[in-house]
Structures are given as C-alpha cells and as structure tokens.
C-alpha cells in the first residue's frame, strides 16, 4: 500500500529558526553583552532563552518569503490572547523591569481583519535584536511561501509571468489557429499570450494596490 505524503502547514517560528545562522547563535550572548550595542528593555541576558532571539535581518527575510508584516503592536487589530499577556508579566517579574515597544509578525490582513493566521509577539532587546515573547493561532498554509514567491520582487514576478505564459502556450492547441503549426507559430502564440498574462497581472496589481514584499514587510501603510 502506497503511503501518501502529507504536506504540513508552516510553523513560522520554525521558519525563523531555520533562517537564523547557527554561527551567529554561538556568539549571540557575547554580542548582546557588548557595551557598544544600543540596548532596549532592561533584560538580564543570562535569563533569556537564546533560541528566541532573532536579528532584524532574519525577521525581514522570513517576512519577505511568506509575505508577512512586522509592525508595532498598536497596528494589530485582532485580540491578543491572555497567554501572551501572561508571558509578558512573567518576563517583567523575572527581569524586574517594565517591557515595552512590542512588535507583531503576522499576515497583512491580521492588521485589518479578524482572522486566525499565526501571529508572533516580539519585544526589542537591542536596536537590531528581538525576543520572541509568544506565538499563537494556526500555522500558515503549506503553499504560502510558493504562492507568495512571485510577489517578493520584480525579478520573481517577470520570471513567473514568462514561465506561466510558456505553460499556457504549450497546452494551447496550435491547430486552432493554423493547419500547419511550426516553431514560428508557437512563438507568435507565446507573445500573444504573454501580452494577455502581463495585462492581467499588472491590472490586478494596480487595481488592488499591490506592492512587492520587500517594500511592505515593515510598512504601516495599507498596501496588500
């Protein structure tokens, strides 16, 4: 009996951990204790879980890959669970300090609508490092990274357009247009399809106010 392989949802915390450089982790405590680093929130670094500390570049890369936002907590429109507040209180008790300047990583729509899609609550510990306080909600859909890949940047978008057009042209019966299909016929049909696909992509992008992921991951403005 053949076993079907189940595609699992994406745990965004695991994606962050995968993005993080292991060599960076080994020297993290030393970096955080460097007096030249601008610290935020009066944490005792010896009490922090090093596995929950992420550099802003790692957060940025994951946000771009999965088309997520990383914004101040004031822009988050959903309800934050009591467990998250319990974790905050625990941090403040253990570190004898008041914690502030919270950030949340989540899909864009969670900053506007009520949905359940894997938010992560962070607090800064330096100007470039963030501590993961709490994760809640459901994991991301397993195909999200692939589906959002064209929206990472303009190079990915054009590659997707050209590849999709090529596939559409391959499956289009050329004998609908001519009795004697040739290579020239294929490429003429390809360029005809290319114009149609590009029109659809750019019309959708402009009408919906879309922007590339690398420009919106930390933007507070309403660009999907």
N, C-alpha and C. Protein backbone atom coordinates (compact mmCIF):
# COMPACT_ATOMS: atom_id res chain seq x y z
N UNK A 1 0.85 -1.20 0.00
CA UNK A 1 0.00 0.00 0.00
C UNK A 1 0.88 1.24 0.00
N UNK A 2 0.63 2.18 -0.92
CA UNK A 2 1.44 3.39 -1.03
C UNK A 2 0.94 4.43 -0.05
N UNK A 3 1.87 4.94 0.77
CA UNK A 3 1.52 5.97 1.74
C UNK A 3 1.59 7.34 1.07
N UNK A 4 0.55 8.13 1.25
CA UNK A 4 0.55 9.47 0.70
C UNK A 4 1.29 10.42 1.63
N UNK A 5 2.14 11.24 1.04
CA UNK A 5 2.91 12.20 1.82
C UNK A 5 2.04 13.41 2.12
N UNK A 6 1.91 13.72 3.40
CA UNK A 6 1.08 14.84 3.83
C UNK A 6 1.93 16.10 3.90
N UNK A 7 1.47 17.15 3.22
CA UNK A 7 2.17 18.44 3.27
C UNK A 7 1.71 19.18 4.51
N UNK A 8 2.65 19.45 5.40
CA UNK A 8 2.32 20.09 6.67
C UNK A 8 2.26 21.60 6.52
N UNK A 9 1.46 22.23 7.39
CA UNK A 9 1.44 23.69 7.45
C UNK A 9 2.78 24.21 7.93
N UNK A 10 3.03 25.49 7.66
CA UNK A 10 4.31 26.12 8.02
C UNK A 10 4.22 26.78 9.38
N UNK A 11 5.04 26.32 10.31
CA UNK A 11 5.18 26.98 11.61
C UNK A 11 6.18 28.10 11.42
N UNK A 12 5.71 29.34 11.51
CA UNK A 12 6.56 30.47 11.18
C UNK A 12 7.71 30.63 12.17
N UNK A 13 7.52 30.16 13.41
CA UNK A 13 8.63 30.20 14.37
C UNK A 13 9.75 29.27 13.92
N UNK A 14 9.38 28.09 13.40
CA UNK A 14 10.39 27.15 12.89
C UNK A 14 11.09 27.74 11.66
N UNK A 15 10.33 28.47 10.84
CA UNK A 15 10.93 29.11 9.67
C UNK A 15 11.95 30.16 10.09
N UNK A 16 11.65 30.89 11.16
CA UNK A 16 12.59 31.87 11.69
C UNK A 16 13.86 31.20 12.21
N UNK A 17 13.66 30.10 12.94
CA UNK A 17 14.81 29.38 13.49
C UNK A 17 15.69 28.82 12.37
N UNK A 18 15.07 28.37 11.29
CA UNK A 18 15.82 27.85 10.15
C UNK A 18 16.61 28.96 9.47
N UNK A 19 16.01 30.14 9.41
CA UNK A 19 16.66 31.28 8.77
C UNK A 19 17.88 31.75 9.56
N UNK A 20 17.82 31.56 10.86
CA UNK A 20 18.89 32.06 11.73
C UNK A 20 20.20 31.30 11.50
N UNK A 21 21.28 32.03 11.43
CA UNK A 21 22.60 31.44 11.23
C UNK A 21 23.10 30.84 12.53
N UNK A 22 23.48 29.55 12.51
CA UNK A 22 23.93 28.87 13.73
C UNK A 22 25.20 29.49 14.29
N UNK A 23 26.11 29.91 13.43
CA UNK A 23 27.35 30.55 13.90
C UNK A 23 27.04 31.83 14.64
N UNK A 24 26.01 32.54 14.15
CA UNK A 24 25.59 33.77 14.81
C UNK A 24 25.08 33.48 16.21
N UNK A 25 24.35 32.36 16.36
CA UNK A 25 23.81 31.99 17.67
C UNK A 25 24.91 31.78 18.70
N UNK A 26 26.01 31.15 18.28
CA UNK A 26 27.08 30.81 19.21
C UNK A 26 27.73 32.05 19.82
N UNK A 27 27.72 33.16 19.07
CA UNK A 27 28.35 34.39 19.56
C UNK A 27 27.32 35.41 20.02
N UNK A 28 26.05 35.02 20.04
CA UNK A 28 24.97 35.96 20.33
C UNK A 28 25.09 36.56 21.71
N UNK A 29 25.35 35.72 22.70
CA UNK A 29 25.40 36.23 24.07
C UNK A 29 26.53 37.25 24.23
N UNK A 30 27.65 36.98 23.57
CA UNK A 30 28.75 37.92 23.63
C UNK A 30 28.41 39.24 22.97
N UNK A 31 27.70 39.17 21.84
CA UNK A 31 27.29 40.39 21.14
C UNK A 31 26.33 41.21 21.98
N UNK A 32 25.39 40.53 22.63
CA UNK A 32 24.38 41.23 23.41
C UNK A 32 24.98 41.89 24.65
N UNK A 33 26.09 41.36 25.15
CA UNK A 33 26.75 41.93 26.32
C UNK A 33 27.76 43.01 25.95
N UNK A 34 27.90 43.26 24.64
CA UNK A 34 28.81 44.31 24.16
C UNK A 34 28.23 45.67 24.55
N UNK A 35 29.02 46.48 25.23
CA UNK A 35 28.54 47.78 25.70
C UNK A 35 28.25 48.74 24.55
N UNK A 36 28.79 48.44 23.36
CA UNK A 36 28.59 49.33 22.22
C UNK A 36 27.22 49.14 21.56
N UNK A 37 26.54 48.05 21.92
CA UNK A 37 25.22 47.80 21.33
C UNK A 37 24.16 48.57 22.11
N UNK A 38 23.32 49.26 21.37
CA UNK A 38 22.24 50.02 22.00
C UNK A 38 21.16 49.07 22.48
N UNK A 39 20.98 48.98 23.78
CA UNK A 39 20.03 48.03 24.35
C UNK A 39 18.67 48.67 24.56
N UNK A 40 17.62 47.85 24.45
CA UNK A 40 16.25 48.27 24.71
C UNK A 40 15.64 47.30 25.70
N UNK A 41 14.86 47.80 26.65
CA UNK A 41 14.29 47.00 27.74
C UNK A 41 15.43 46.42 28.59
N UNK A 42 15.28 46.54 29.88
CA UNK A 42 16.37 46.18 30.81
C UNK A 42 16.35 44.71 31.16
N UNK A 43 16.63 43.86 30.18
CA UNK A 43 16.65 42.42 30.39
C UNK A 43 17.98 41.97 30.99
N UNK A 44 17.90 40.92 31.79
CA UNK A 44 19.10 40.20 32.22
C UNK A 44 19.36 39.14 31.16
N UNK A 45 20.37 39.34 30.32
CA UNK A 45 20.60 38.46 29.17
C UNK A 45 20.88 37.02 29.58
N UNK A 46 21.39 36.82 30.80
CA UNK A 46 21.67 35.46 31.26
C UNK A 46 20.39 34.66 31.50
N UNK A 47 19.26 35.35 31.63
CA UNK A 47 17.99 34.67 31.88
C UNK A 47 17.17 34.48 30.60
N UNK A 48 17.64 35.06 29.49
CA UNK A 48 16.89 34.95 28.24
C UNK A 48 17.15 33.62 27.55
N UNK A 49 16.13 33.12 26.87
CA UNK A 49 16.27 31.92 26.05
C UNK A 49 16.90 32.33 24.72
N UNK A 50 18.15 31.95 24.48
CA UNK A 50 18.87 32.37 23.28
C UNK A 50 18.18 31.91 21.99
N UNK A 51 17.41 30.82 22.07
CA UNK A 51 16.72 30.30 20.89
C UNK A 51 15.55 31.19 20.46
N UNK A 52 15.18 32.14 21.31
CA UNK A 52 14.07 33.02 20.99
C UNK A 52 14.53 34.41 20.58
N UNK A 53 15.82 34.58 20.36
CA UNK A 53 16.35 35.87 19.94
C UNK A 53 16.64 35.83 18.44
N UNK A 54 16.15 36.84 17.72
CA UNK A 54 16.30 36.89 16.28
C UNK A 54 16.79 38.27 15.85
N UNK A 55 17.66 38.27 14.85
CA UNK A 55 18.16 39.52 14.29
C UNK A 55 17.12 40.08 13.33
N UNK A 56 17.11 41.39 13.17
CA UNK A 56 16.12 42.04 12.31
C UNK A 56 16.23 41.54 10.87
N UNK A 57 17.43 41.20 10.42
CA UNK A 57 17.59 40.70 9.05
C UNK A 57 16.92 39.34 8.86
N UNK A 58 16.96 38.49 9.90
CA UNK A 58 16.30 37.18 9.83
C UNK A 58 14.78 37.36 9.80
N UNK A 59 14.29 38.28 10.60
CA UNK A 59 12.86 38.58 10.61
C UNK A 59 12.43 39.13 9.26
N UNK A 60 13.24 40.02 8.72
CA UNK A 60 12.95 40.63 7.42
C UNK A 60 12.87 39.55 6.32
N UNK A 61 13.83 38.64 6.29
CA UNK A 61 13.86 37.61 5.24
C UNK A 61 12.63 36.71 5.30
N UNK A 62 12.23 36.31 6.50
CA UNK A 62 11.06 35.44 6.65
C UNK A 62 9.79 36.21 6.27
N UNK A 63 9.70 37.47 6.65
CA UNK A 63 8.54 38.28 6.27
C UNK A 63 8.42 38.39 4.75
N UNK A 64 9.53 38.58 4.07
CA UNK A 64 9.50 38.70 2.62
C UNK A 64 9.14 37.37 1.97
N UNK A 65 9.71 36.28 2.48
CA UNK A 65 9.45 34.95 1.90
C UNK A 65 7.99 34.54 2.02
N UNK A 66 7.37 34.88 3.15
CA UNK A 66 5.99 34.45 3.41
C UNK A 66 4.99 35.60 3.30
N UNK A 67 5.47 36.77 2.86
CA UNK A 67 4.63 37.97 2.72
C UNK A 67 3.89 38.29 4.02
N UNK A 68 4.67 38.58 5.05
CA UNK A 68 4.16 38.94 6.36
C UNK A 68 4.53 40.38 6.68
N UNK A 69 3.90 40.93 7.70
CA UNK A 69 4.25 42.27 8.19
C UNK A 69 4.92 42.14 9.57
N UNK A 70 5.78 43.11 9.88
CA UNK A 70 6.41 43.20 11.19
C UNK A 70 6.20 44.62 11.67
N UNK A 71 5.14 44.83 12.49
CA UNK A 71 4.71 46.17 12.85
C UNK A 71 4.52 46.33 14.35
N UNK A 72 4.46 47.59 14.76
CA UNK A 72 4.18 47.89 16.17
C UNK A 72 2.83 47.29 16.56
N UNK A 73 2.72 46.92 17.80
CA UNK A 73 1.51 46.25 18.29
C UNK A 73 0.27 47.13 18.15
N UNK A 74 0.45 48.44 18.10
CA UNK A 74 -0.72 49.34 18.01
C UNK A 74 -1.47 49.19 16.69
N UNK A 75 -0.81 48.63 15.67
CA UNK A 75 -1.48 48.45 14.38
C UNK A 75 -2.22 47.12 14.28
N UNK A 76 -2.03 46.25 15.26
CA UNK A 76 -2.66 44.93 15.23
C UNK A 76 -4.11 45.06 15.67
N UNK A 77 -5.03 44.58 14.84
CA UNK A 77 -6.46 44.79 15.09
C UNK A 77 -7.15 43.60 15.75
N UNK A 78 -6.48 42.48 15.85
CA UNK A 78 -7.10 41.30 16.44
C UNK A 78 -6.92 41.27 17.96
N UNK A 79 -7.62 40.34 18.56
CA UNK A 79 -7.50 40.17 20.01
C UNK A 79 -6.22 39.41 20.34
N UNK A 80 -5.47 39.90 21.29
CA UNK A 80 -4.26 39.23 21.75
C UNK A 80 -4.64 38.32 22.92
N UNK A 81 -4.27 37.04 22.87
CA UNK A 81 -4.70 36.10 23.91
C UNK A 81 -4.11 36.40 25.28
N UNK A 82 -4.82 35.98 26.32
CA UNK A 82 -4.36 36.20 27.69
C UNK A 82 -3.01 35.53 27.95
N UNK A 83 -2.74 34.42 27.25
CA UNK A 83 -1.47 33.72 27.44
C UNK A 83 -0.29 34.60 27.08
N UNK A 84 -0.48 35.46 26.06
CA UNK A 84 0.60 36.38 25.67
C UNK A 84 0.87 37.38 26.78
N UNK A 85 -0.20 37.91 27.39
CA UNK A 85 -0.02 38.86 28.49
C UNK A 85 0.61 38.17 29.70
N UNK A 86 0.28 36.89 29.89
CA UNK A 86 0.90 36.15 30.99
C UNK A 86 2.41 36.02 30.78
N UNK A 87 2.82 35.80 29.52
CA UNK A 87 4.24 35.70 29.21
C UNK A 87 4.95 37.04 29.42
N UNK A 88 4.26 38.12 29.09
CA UNK A 88 4.83 39.46 29.32
C UNK A 88 5.03 39.70 30.82
N UNK A 89 3.99 39.37 31.61
CA UNK A 89 4.09 39.55 33.06
C UNK A 89 5.22 38.71 33.64
N UNK A 90 5.38 37.50 33.11
CA UNK A 90 6.44 36.62 33.59
C UNK A 90 7.81 37.20 33.28
N UNK A 91 7.96 37.76 32.08
CA UNK A 91 9.22 38.42 31.72
C UNK A 91 9.52 39.57 32.66
N UNK A 92 8.52 40.38 32.93
CA UNK A 92 8.73 41.55 33.79
C UNK A 92 9.10 41.15 35.22
N UNK A 93 8.49 40.07 35.69
CA UNK A 93 8.80 39.59 37.04
C UNK A 93 10.22 39.03 37.10
N UNK A 94 10.54 38.18 36.13
CA UNK A 94 11.86 37.53 36.12
C UNK A 94 13.00 38.51 35.93
N UNK A 95 12.75 39.56 35.14
CA UNK A 95 13.82 40.51 34.83
C UNK A 95 13.71 41.81 35.62
N UNK A 96 12.67 41.90 36.45
CA UNK A 96 12.47 43.07 37.31
C UNK A 96 12.50 44.36 36.49
N UNK A 97 11.70 44.39 35.42
CA UNK A 97 11.67 45.57 34.55
C UNK A 97 10.30 45.68 33.91
N UNK A 98 10.07 46.83 33.30
CA UNK A 98 8.84 47.05 32.55
C UNK A 98 9.15 46.88 31.06
N UNK A 99 8.39 46.03 30.37
CA UNK A 99 8.67 45.71 28.97
C UNK A 99 7.79 46.57 28.06
N UNK A 100 8.38 47.09 26.99
CA UNK A 100 7.63 47.98 26.08
C UNK A 100 8.11 47.80 24.64
N UNK A 101 7.52 48.58 23.74
CA UNK A 101 7.87 48.62 22.30
C UNK A 101 7.65 47.27 21.61
N UNK A 102 6.48 46.68 21.82
CA UNK A 102 6.18 45.37 21.24
C UNK A 102 5.97 45.44 19.73
N UNK A 103 6.37 44.37 19.06
CA UNK A 103 6.17 44.21 17.62
C UNK A 103 5.43 42.90 17.38
N UNK A 104 4.67 42.85 16.28
CA UNK A 104 3.97 41.61 15.92
C UNK A 104 4.28 41.27 14.46
N UNK A 105 4.58 39.99 14.23
CA UNK A 105 4.76 39.47 12.87
C UNK A 105 3.51 38.67 12.52
N UNK A 106 2.86 39.04 11.41
CA UNK A 106 1.63 38.36 11.01
C UNK A 106 1.29 38.74 9.57
N UNK A 107 0.38 37.98 8.91
CA UNK A 107 -0.08 38.36 7.57
C UNK A 107 -0.73 39.74 7.58
N UNK A 108 -0.67 40.42 6.44
CA UNK A 108 -1.18 41.80 6.34
C UNK A 108 -2.62 41.93 6.83
N UNK A 109 -3.46 40.95 6.48
CA UNK A 109 -4.88 41.06 6.79
C UNK A 109 -5.16 41.04 8.28
N UNK A 110 -4.24 40.50 9.07
CA UNK A 110 -4.47 40.50 10.51
C UNK A 110 -4.34 41.89 11.12
N UNK A 111 -3.80 42.80 10.35
CA UNK A 111 -3.72 44.17 10.84
C UNK A 111 -4.95 44.97 10.41
N UNK A 112 -5.91 44.27 9.73
CA UNK A 112 -7.12 44.96 9.31
C UNK A 112 -8.38 44.16 9.67
N UNK A 113 -8.31 42.84 9.50
CA UNK A 113 -9.49 41.98 9.65
C UNK A 113 -9.31 40.99 10.78
N UNK A 114 -10.39 40.34 11.18
CA UNK A 114 -10.34 39.30 12.19
C UNK A 114 -10.14 37.95 11.53
N UNK A 115 -8.91 37.40 11.66
CA UNK A 115 -8.57 36.10 11.11
C UNK A 115 -7.68 35.38 12.10
N UNK A 116 -7.36 34.11 11.80
CA UNK A 116 -6.50 33.31 12.68
C UNK A 116 -5.36 32.73 11.86
N UNK A 117 -4.23 33.44 11.81
CA UNK A 117 -3.10 33.00 11.00
C UNK A 117 -1.76 33.30 11.66
N UNK A 118 -1.41 32.60 12.71
CA UNK A 118 -0.03 32.53 13.17
C UNK A 118 0.65 33.85 13.53
N UNK A 119 0.11 34.71 14.40
CA UNK A 119 0.85 35.89 14.82
C UNK A 119 1.96 35.54 15.81
N UNK A 120 3.05 36.34 15.81
CA UNK A 120 4.15 36.19 16.75
C UNK A 120 4.39 37.53 17.42
N UNK A 121 4.52 37.52 18.74
CA UNK A 121 4.72 38.75 19.50
C UNK A 121 6.19 38.86 19.90
N UNK A 122 6.82 40.00 19.54
CA UNK A 122 8.23 40.24 19.83
C UNK A 122 8.39 41.48 20.71
N UNK A 123 9.54 41.55 21.37
CA UNK A 123 9.92 42.76 22.09
C UNK A 123 11.40 43.01 21.80
N UNK A 124 11.81 44.27 21.57
CA UNK A 124 13.21 44.53 21.24
C UNK A 124 14.11 44.40 22.46
N UNK A 125 15.33 43.85 22.23
CA UNK A 125 16.33 43.82 23.30
C UNK A 125 17.55 44.66 22.94
N UNK A 126 17.72 44.92 21.63
CA UNK A 126 18.69 45.92 21.17
C UNK A 126 18.04 46.59 19.97
N UNK A 127 18.78 47.48 19.32
CA UNK A 127 18.23 48.14 18.14
C UNK A 127 18.13 47.21 16.94
N UNK A 128 18.75 46.00 17.02
CA UNK A 128 18.72 45.06 15.90
C UNK A 128 18.26 43.66 16.29
N UNK A 129 18.02 43.40 17.56
CA UNK A 129 17.65 42.07 18.02
C UNK A 129 16.30 42.10 18.71
N UNK A 130 15.51 41.05 18.45
CA UNK A 130 14.17 40.96 19.03
C UNK A 130 13.98 39.62 19.73
N UNK A 131 13.23 39.66 20.81
CA UNK A 131 12.97 38.46 21.61
C UNK A 131 11.54 38.01 21.36
N UNK A 132 11.38 36.74 20.99
CA UNK A 132 10.05 36.18 20.75
C UNK A 132 9.37 35.90 22.09
N UNK A 133 8.30 36.63 22.36
CA UNK A 133 7.58 36.50 23.64
C UNK A 133 6.55 35.39 23.57
N UNK A 134 5.77 35.37 22.47
CA UNK A 134 4.67 34.40 22.41
C UNK A 134 4.21 34.22 20.97
N UNK A 135 3.80 33.00 20.64
CA UNK A 135 3.22 32.66 19.34
C UNK A 135 1.85 32.05 19.56
N UNK A 136 0.88 32.45 18.76
CA UNK A 136 -0.45 31.85 18.90
C UNK A 136 -1.10 31.72 17.53
N UNK A 137 -2.30 31.12 17.50
CA UNK A 137 -3.02 30.97 16.25
C UNK A 137 -2.59 29.73 15.47
N UNK A 138 -3.07 29.64 14.24
CA UNK A 138 -2.78 28.50 13.38
C UNK A 138 -1.51 28.71 12.58
N UNK A 139 -0.90 27.62 12.12
CA UNK A 139 0.26 27.72 11.25
C UNK A 139 -0.18 28.18 9.86
N UNK A 140 0.78 28.71 9.10
CA UNK A 140 0.49 29.17 7.75
C UNK A 140 0.23 27.99 6.82
N UNK A 141 -0.53 28.22 5.77
CA UNK A 141 -0.81 27.18 4.79
C UNK A 141 0.51 26.73 4.14
N UNK A 142 0.65 25.44 3.85
CA UNK A 142 1.94 24.91 3.37
C UNK A 142 2.39 25.51 2.04
N UNK A 143 1.48 25.98 1.21
CA UNK A 143 1.84 26.52 -0.10
C UNK A 143 2.07 28.03 -0.09
N UNK A 144 1.96 28.66 1.09
CA UNK A 144 2.03 30.12 1.14
C UNK A 144 3.35 30.66 0.59
N UNK A 145 4.47 30.06 0.96
CA UNK A 145 5.78 30.55 0.52
C UNK A 145 5.87 30.49 -1.00
N UNK A 146 5.37 29.39 -1.59
CA UNK A 146 5.42 29.24 -3.05
C UNK A 146 4.49 30.24 -3.73
N UNK A 147 3.28 30.38 -3.21
CA UNK A 147 2.31 31.28 -3.82
C UNK A 147 2.74 32.74 -3.72
N UNK A 148 3.48 33.08 -2.65
CA UNK A 148 3.92 34.46 -2.45
C UNK A 148 5.26 34.75 -3.11
N UNK A 149 5.92 33.72 -3.65
CA UNK A 149 7.24 33.90 -4.27
C UNK A 149 7.23 34.94 -5.39
N UNK A 150 6.23 34.96 -6.29
CA UNK A 150 6.24 35.97 -7.35
C UNK A 150 6.18 37.40 -6.83
N UNK A 151 5.66 37.60 -5.62
CA UNK A 151 5.48 38.94 -5.08
C UNK A 151 6.67 39.42 -4.26
N UNK A 152 7.75 38.63 -4.19
CA UNK A 152 8.93 39.04 -3.44
C UNK A 152 9.61 40.25 -4.07
N UNK A 153 9.77 40.22 -5.39
CA UNK A 153 10.42 41.31 -6.11
C UNK A 153 10.04 41.25 -7.59
N UNK A 154 10.45 42.25 -8.34
CA UNK A 154 10.05 42.34 -9.75
C UNK A 154 10.67 41.24 -10.60
N UNK A 155 11.89 40.79 -10.24
CA UNK A 155 12.53 39.71 -10.98
C UNK A 155 11.72 38.42 -10.89
N UNK A 156 11.25 38.10 -9.68
CA UNK A 156 10.42 36.90 -9.49
C UNK A 156 9.10 37.02 -10.25
N UNK A 157 8.55 38.23 -10.25
CA UNK A 157 7.27 38.44 -10.93
C UNK A 157 7.40 38.19 -12.44
N UNK A 158 8.44 38.75 -13.06
CA UNK A 158 8.61 38.57 -14.50
C UNK A 158 8.94 37.11 -14.85
N UNK A 159 9.73 36.45 -14.00
CA UNK A 159 10.01 35.03 -14.23
C UNK A 159 8.72 34.22 -14.21
N UNK A 160 7.84 34.53 -13.24
CA UNK A 160 6.56 33.83 -13.13
C UNK A 160 5.69 34.08 -14.36
N UNK A 161 5.65 35.33 -14.81
CA UNK A 161 4.84 35.68 -15.99
C UNK A 161 5.32 34.93 -17.22
N UNK A 162 6.64 34.93 -17.45
CA UNK A 162 7.19 34.26 -18.64
C UNK A 162 6.98 32.74 -18.57
N UNK A 163 7.20 32.17 -17.36
CA UNK A 163 7.04 30.72 -17.21
C UNK A 163 5.58 30.31 -17.37
N UNK A 164 4.67 31.08 -16.76
CA UNK A 164 3.24 30.77 -16.86
C UNK A 164 2.77 30.89 -18.30
N UNK A 165 3.24 31.91 -19.00
CA UNK A 165 2.88 32.08 -20.42
C UNK A 165 3.37 30.90 -21.25
N UNK A 166 4.57 30.43 -20.95
CA UNK A 166 5.13 29.29 -21.69
C UNK A 166 4.26 28.04 -21.50
N UNK A 167 3.83 27.81 -20.26
CA UNK A 167 2.98 26.65 -19.97
C UNK A 167 1.63 26.77 -20.68
N UNK A 168 1.05 27.97 -20.63
CA UNK A 168 -0.24 28.19 -21.29
C UNK A 168 -0.11 27.94 -22.79
N UNK A 169 0.99 28.41 -23.37
CA UNK A 169 1.21 28.23 -24.81
C UNK A 169 1.39 26.76 -25.17
N UNK A 170 2.09 26.02 -24.30
CA UNK A 170 2.31 24.59 -24.55
C UNK A 170 1.01 23.80 -24.58
N UNK A 171 0.08 24.16 -23.73
CA UNK A 171 -1.17 23.38 -23.63
C UNK A 171 -2.26 23.91 -24.57
N UNK A 172 -1.96 25.02 -25.27
CA UNK A 172 -2.94 25.57 -26.22
C UNK A 172 -2.80 24.84 -27.56
N UNK A 173 -3.86 24.22 -28.09
CA UNK A 173 -3.79 23.54 -29.39
C UNK A 173 -3.52 24.54 -30.52
N UNK A 174 -2.36 24.41 -31.16
CA UNK A 174 -1.99 25.37 -32.20
C UNK A 174 -2.83 25.19 -33.47
N UNK A 175 -3.39 24.00 -33.65
CA UNK A 175 -4.19 23.78 -34.86
C UNK A 175 -5.51 24.55 -34.84
N UNK A 176 -5.79 25.21 -33.72
CA UNK A 176 -6.95 26.10 -33.69
C UNK A 176 -6.70 27.35 -34.49
N UNK A 177 -5.41 27.68 -34.69
CA UNK A 177 -5.04 28.92 -35.36
C UNK A 177 -4.46 28.70 -36.76
N UNK A 178 -3.91 27.50 -36.99
CA UNK A 178 -3.32 27.21 -38.30
C UNK A 178 -3.34 25.70 -38.55
N UNK A 179 -3.43 25.34 -39.82
CA UNK A 179 -3.45 23.92 -40.17
C UNK A 179 -2.06 23.28 -40.10
N UNK A 180 -1.02 24.10 -40.24
CA UNK A 180 0.36 23.58 -40.24
C UNK A 180 1.19 24.30 -39.19
N UNK A 181 1.08 23.87 -37.92
CA UNK A 181 1.84 24.52 -36.85
C UNK A 181 3.35 24.38 -37.06
N UNK A 182 4.07 25.45 -36.75
CA UNK A 182 5.54 25.46 -36.83
C UNK A 182 6.08 26.11 -35.57
N UNK A 183 7.41 26.18 -35.48
CA UNK A 183 8.04 26.87 -34.34
C UNK A 183 7.65 28.34 -34.32
N UNK A 184 7.55 28.92 -35.49
CA UNK A 184 7.16 30.33 -35.58
C UNK A 184 5.75 30.54 -35.04
N UNK A 185 4.88 29.59 -35.34
CA UNK A 185 3.50 29.67 -34.84
C UNK A 185 3.48 29.63 -33.31
N UNK A 186 4.30 28.75 -32.75
CA UNK A 186 4.37 28.63 -31.28
C UNK A 186 4.79 29.95 -30.65
N UNK A 187 5.83 30.58 -31.19
CA UNK A 187 6.34 31.81 -30.58
C UNK A 187 5.41 32.99 -30.82
N UNK A 188 4.73 32.99 -31.94
CA UNK A 188 3.72 34.04 -32.15
C UNK A 188 2.61 33.92 -31.12
N UNK A 189 2.17 32.68 -30.89
CA UNK A 189 1.13 32.44 -29.88
C UNK A 189 1.65 32.78 -28.49
N UNK A 190 2.92 32.47 -28.25
CA UNK A 190 3.54 32.77 -26.95
C UNK A 190 3.49 34.27 -26.66
N UNK A 191 3.91 35.09 -27.62
CA UNK A 191 3.93 36.54 -27.41
C UNK A 191 2.53 37.11 -27.31
N UNK A 192 1.57 36.49 -27.99
CA UNK A 192 0.18 36.91 -27.85
C UNK A 192 -0.31 36.63 -26.43
N UNK A 193 -0.03 35.42 -25.95
CA UNK A 193 -0.41 35.05 -24.58
C UNK A 193 0.32 35.90 -23.54
N UNK A 194 1.60 36.22 -23.84
CA UNK A 194 2.41 37.00 -22.91
C UNK A 194 1.77 38.36 -22.63
N UNK A 195 1.30 39.01 -23.69
CA UNK A 195 0.65 40.32 -23.51
C UNK A 195 -0.60 40.20 -22.65
N UNK A 196 -1.36 39.10 -22.86
CA UNK A 196 -2.58 38.91 -22.09
C UNK A 196 -2.27 38.65 -20.61
N UNK A 197 -1.28 37.79 -20.36
CA UNK A 197 -0.91 37.46 -18.97
C UNK A 197 -0.36 38.68 -18.26
N UNK A 198 0.50 39.44 -18.95
CA UNK A 198 1.07 40.65 -18.33
C UNK A 198 -0.02 41.66 -18.02
N UNK A 199 -0.99 41.79 -18.92
CA UNK A 199 -2.10 42.72 -18.68
C UNK A 199 -2.86 42.32 -17.42
N UNK A 200 -3.16 41.03 -17.30
CA UNK A 200 -3.92 40.54 -16.13
C UNK A 200 -3.15 40.79 -14.84
N UNK A 201 -1.85 40.46 -14.83
CA UNK A 201 -1.02 40.62 -13.63
C UNK A 201 -0.94 42.09 -13.22
N UNK A 202 -0.63 42.95 -14.18
CA UNK A 202 -0.43 44.36 -13.83
C UNK A 202 -1.74 45.08 -13.56
N UNK A 203 -2.81 44.69 -14.25
CA UNK A 203 -4.11 45.28 -13.94
C UNK A 203 -4.54 44.91 -12.53
N UNK A 204 -4.34 43.63 -12.17
CA UNK A 204 -4.67 43.17 -10.81
C UNK A 204 -3.82 43.89 -9.78
N UNK A 205 -2.51 43.99 -10.07
CA UNK A 205 -1.60 44.64 -9.12
C UNK A 205 -1.93 46.09 -8.89
N UNK A 206 -2.21 46.82 -9.96
CA UNK A 206 -2.51 48.25 -9.85
C UNK A 206 -3.87 48.48 -9.21
N UNK A 207 -4.87 47.72 -9.65
CA UNK A 207 -6.23 47.91 -9.14
C UNK A 207 -6.34 47.54 -7.66
N UNK A 208 -5.56 46.56 -7.22
CA UNK A 208 -5.62 46.12 -5.83
C UNK A 208 -4.58 46.81 -4.95
N UNK A 209 -3.78 47.69 -5.54
CA UNK A 209 -2.78 48.41 -4.76
C UNK A 209 -1.68 47.52 -4.23
N UNK A 210 -1.31 46.49 -4.99
CA UNK A 210 -0.29 45.55 -4.54
C UNK A 210 1.10 46.16 -4.63
N UNK A 211 1.99 45.68 -3.77
CA UNK A 211 3.39 46.09 -3.81
C UNK A 211 4.24 44.87 -3.49
N UNK A 212 5.54 44.92 -3.78
CA UNK A 212 6.40 43.78 -3.55
C UNK A 212 6.69 43.61 -2.06
N UNK A 213 6.88 42.36 -1.65
CA UNK A 213 7.03 42.02 -0.24
C UNK A 213 8.20 42.74 0.42
N UNK A 214 9.27 42.94 -0.33
CA UNK A 214 10.45 43.56 0.28
C UNK A 214 10.22 45.03 0.62
N UNK A 215 9.14 45.62 0.07
CA UNK A 215 8.83 47.02 0.36
C UNK A 215 7.77 47.18 1.46
N UNK A 216 7.02 46.12 1.76
CA UNK A 216 5.89 46.28 2.69
C UNK A 216 6.06 45.54 4.01
N UNK A 217 7.14 44.75 4.17
CA UNK A 217 7.23 43.87 5.34
C UNK A 217 7.17 44.65 6.65
N UNK A 218 7.65 45.90 6.66
CA UNK A 218 7.58 46.71 7.88
C UNK A 218 6.87 48.02 7.65
N UNK A 219 6.00 48.06 6.61
CA UNK A 219 5.27 49.27 6.29
C UNK A 219 3.93 49.31 7.04
N UNK A 220 3.61 50.45 7.60
CA UNK A 220 2.34 50.61 8.30
C UNK A 220 1.21 51.01 7.36
N UNK A 221 1.55 51.27 6.10
CA UNK A 221 0.54 51.72 5.14
C UNK A 221 -0.21 50.55 4.54
N UNK A 222 -1.43 50.81 4.12
CA UNK A 222 -2.33 49.75 3.67
C UNK A 222 -2.06 49.35 2.23
N UNK A 223 -0.94 48.64 2.02
CA UNK A 223 -0.61 48.07 0.71
C UNK A 223 -0.56 46.58 0.89
N UNK A 224 -1.46 45.85 0.23
CA UNK A 224 -1.62 44.43 0.47
C UNK A 224 -0.39 43.65 0.06
